[in-house]
């Protein structure tokens, strides 16, 4: 019985680590060309950037700080990228509506306002860069 419990725990830990920070894309068929209402209340508008990244953070979250720094580095070299930082503790209605369960949680919106993906936990740097470059590209 102990072996089964240990094996189950190992599988659960592996699964959680595999999902941590992974960008979960939204299928094109499921994308609505409109900014989700909760994000619109935070000031996100369609057409303002090629890609808008909305990061929900909290003051005590260490991965939030590193994610914010990485996003600022990317924004400096990608003119079509907009980044909005949201204090999750100050926007609890939006946190509930968007089902934000941990920080950082990032939402990725295309120029038309459609949600193209989301990630929970610190995003993997290579995935974050690839997603952003797919929408805005790097400045030469």
Protein backbone atom coordinates (compact mmCIF):
# COMPACT_ATOMS: atom_id res chain seq x y z
CA UNK A 1 0.00 0.00 0.00
CA UNK A 2 2.85 2.38 0.81
CA UNK A 3 4.40 1.74 -2.61
CA UNK A 4 1.12 2.67 -4.31
CA UNK A 5 0.89 5.89 -2.29
CA UNK A 6 4.49 6.80 -3.12
CA UNK A 7 3.96 6.05 -6.81
CA UNK A 8 0.78 8.11 -6.85
CA UNK A 9 2.55 11.01 -5.16
CA UNK A 10 5.43 10.82 -7.65
CA UNK A 11 3.00 10.93 -10.58
CA UNK A 12 1.16 13.89 -9.06
CA UNK A 13 4.41 15.82 -8.47
CA UNK A 14 5.54 15.10 -12.05
CA UNK A 15 2.18 16.26 -13.43
CA UNK A 16 2.21 19.48 -11.39
CA UNK A 17 5.78 20.29 -12.44
CA UNK A 18 4.97 19.62 -16.09
CA UNK A 19 2.06 22.10 -15.95
CA UNK A 20 3.83 24.76 -13.87
CA UNK A 21 4.37 27.82 -16.04
CA UNK A 22 3.36 26.05 -19.24
CA UNK A 23 1.54 28.25 -21.72
CA UNK A 24 -1.85 26.73 -22.44
CA UNK A 25 -2.97 27.98 -25.85
CA UNK A 26 -6.61 28.62 -26.65
CA UNK A 27 -7.76 26.80 -29.79
CA UNK A 28 -8.56 29.18 -32.67
CA UNK A 29 -12.13 27.84 -32.79
CA UNK A 30 -12.61 28.81 -29.12
CA UNK A 31 -11.29 32.36 -29.46
CA UNK A 32 -13.77 35.19 -29.33
CA UNK A 33 -12.55 38.36 -31.07
CA UNK A 34 -13.41 40.44 -28.03
CA UNK A 35 -11.52 41.30 -24.85
CA UNK A 36 -12.92 39.25 -21.95
CA UNK A 37 -15.05 41.58 -19.76
CA UNK A 38 -12.88 41.16 -16.65
CA UNK A 39 -9.78 42.19 -18.59
CA UNK A 40 -11.64 45.08 -20.24
CA UNK A 41 -12.46 46.43 -16.76
CA UNK A 42 -8.72 46.46 -16.07
CA UNK A 43 -8.09 48.64 -19.12
CA UNK A 44 -7.19 46.11 -21.81
CA UNK A 45 -8.36 47.31 -25.23
CA UNK A 46 -8.30 45.55 -28.58
CA UNK A 47 -6.11 47.03 -31.29
CA UNK A 48 -3.59 48.72 -29.01
CA UNK A 49 -0.78 46.18 -29.49
CA UNK A 50 0.02 43.08 -31.51
CA UNK A 51 0.08 41.13 -28.26
CA UNK A 52 -0.98 42.20 -24.78
CA UNK A 53 0.24 40.25 -21.77
CA UNK A 54 -1.68 40.72 -18.53
CA UNK A 55 0.18 39.49 -15.45
CA UNK A 56 -1.65 38.94 -12.15
CA UNK A 57 0.82 39.20 -9.27
CA UNK A 58 0.98 39.68 -5.53
CA UNK A 59 3.49 41.65 -3.47
CA UNK A 60 5.00 38.59 -1.78
CA UNK A 61 5.42 36.49 -4.95
CA UNK A 62 9.09 35.99 -5.90
CA UNK A 63 8.33 34.32 -9.28
CA UNK A 64 6.15 37.34 -10.10
CA UNK A 65 9.14 39.67 -9.83
CA UNK A 66 11.31 37.57 -12.15
CA UNK A 67 8.44 37.20 -14.64
CA UNK A 68 7.85 40.95 -14.59
CA UNK A 69 11.55 41.58 -15.27
CA UNK A 70 11.56 39.11 -18.17
CA UNK A 71 8.46 40.73 -19.68
CA UNK A 72 10.08 44.18 -19.41
CA UNK A 73 13.19 42.87 -21.22
CA UNK A 74 11.02 41.46 -23.99
CA UNK A 75 8.91 44.62 -24.22
CA UNK A 76 12.06 46.71 -24.71
CA UNK A 77 12.94 44.80 -27.89
CA UNK A 78 9.46 44.10 -29.24
CA UNK A 79 7.53 47.26 -30.08
CA UNK A 80 4.24 45.44 -30.65
CA UNK A 81 4.16 44.03 -27.11
CA UNK A 82 2.10 45.64 -24.34
CA UNK A 83 2.34 44.48 -20.73
CA UNK A 84 -0.18 45.20 -17.99
CA UNK A 85 0.68 44.39 -14.38
CA UNK A 86 -2.30 43.70 -12.10
CA UNK A 87 -2.21 43.42 -8.32
CA UNK A 88 -4.36 40.35 -7.70
CA UNK A 89 -5.18 41.40 -4.14
CA UNK A 90 -6.67 44.69 -5.33
CA UNK A 91 -8.80 43.12 -8.07
CA UNK A 92 -10.51 40.17 -6.42
CA UNK A 93 -13.63 40.31 -8.62
CA UNK A 94 -11.51 39.89 -11.75
CA UNK A 95 -9.40 37.20 -10.07
CA UNK A 96 -12.54 35.19 -9.35
CA UNK A 97 -14.08 35.78 -12.77
CA UNK A 98 -10.89 34.74 -14.59
CA UNK A 99 -10.26 31.80 -12.23
CA UNK A 100 -6.81 33.01 -11.19
CA UNK A 101 -5.71 30.46 -8.59
CA UNK A 102 -2.03 31.34 -8.22
CA UNK A 103 0.46 34.00 -9.08
CA UNK A 104 1.87 34.79 -11.44
CA UNK A 105 -0.93 34.07 -13.86
CA UNK A 106 -0.56 35.53 -17.34
CA UNK A 107 -3.15 36.08 -20.04
CA UNK A 108 -2.06 36.57 -23.67
CA UNK A 109 -4.37 38.57 -25.95
CA UNK A 110 -4.02 39.08 -29.71
CA UNK A 111 -4.55 42.44 -31.43
CA UNK A 112 -8.26 41.69 -31.92
CA UNK A 113 -8.69 41.14 -28.18
CA UNK A 114 -9.04 37.38 -28.39
CA UNK A 115 -7.42 35.31 -25.67
CA UNK A 116 -4.68 33.22 -27.31
CA UNK A 117 -3.31 31.58 -24.17
CA UNK A 118 -2.70 31.68 -20.45
CA UNK A 119 -0.14 30.36 -18.02
CA UNK A 120 -0.09 29.82 -14.27
CA UNK A 121 3.18 29.94 -12.41
CA UNK A 122 6.36 31.49 -13.74
CA UNK A 123 6.34 30.88 -17.50
CA UNK A 124 9.25 29.01 -18.99
CA UNK A 125 11.51 31.63 -20.60
CA UNK A 126 11.76 29.81 -23.93
CA UNK A 127 7.98 29.31 -24.18
CA UNK A 128 7.29 32.92 -23.23
CA UNK A 129 9.75 34.24 -25.82
CA UNK A 130 8.41 31.89 -28.52
CA UNK A 131 4.80 32.91 -27.89
CA UNK A 132 5.63 36.60 -27.94
CA UNK A 133 7.81 36.29 -31.05
CA UNK A 134 5.00 34.41 -32.84
CA UNK A 135 2.80 37.50 -32.42
CA UNK A 136 5.18 40.47 -32.46
CA UNK A 137 8.70 39.38 -33.44
CA UNK A 138 11.96 40.91 -32.30
CA UNK A 139 13.20 44.35 -33.33
CA UNK A 140 16.33 44.10 -35.46
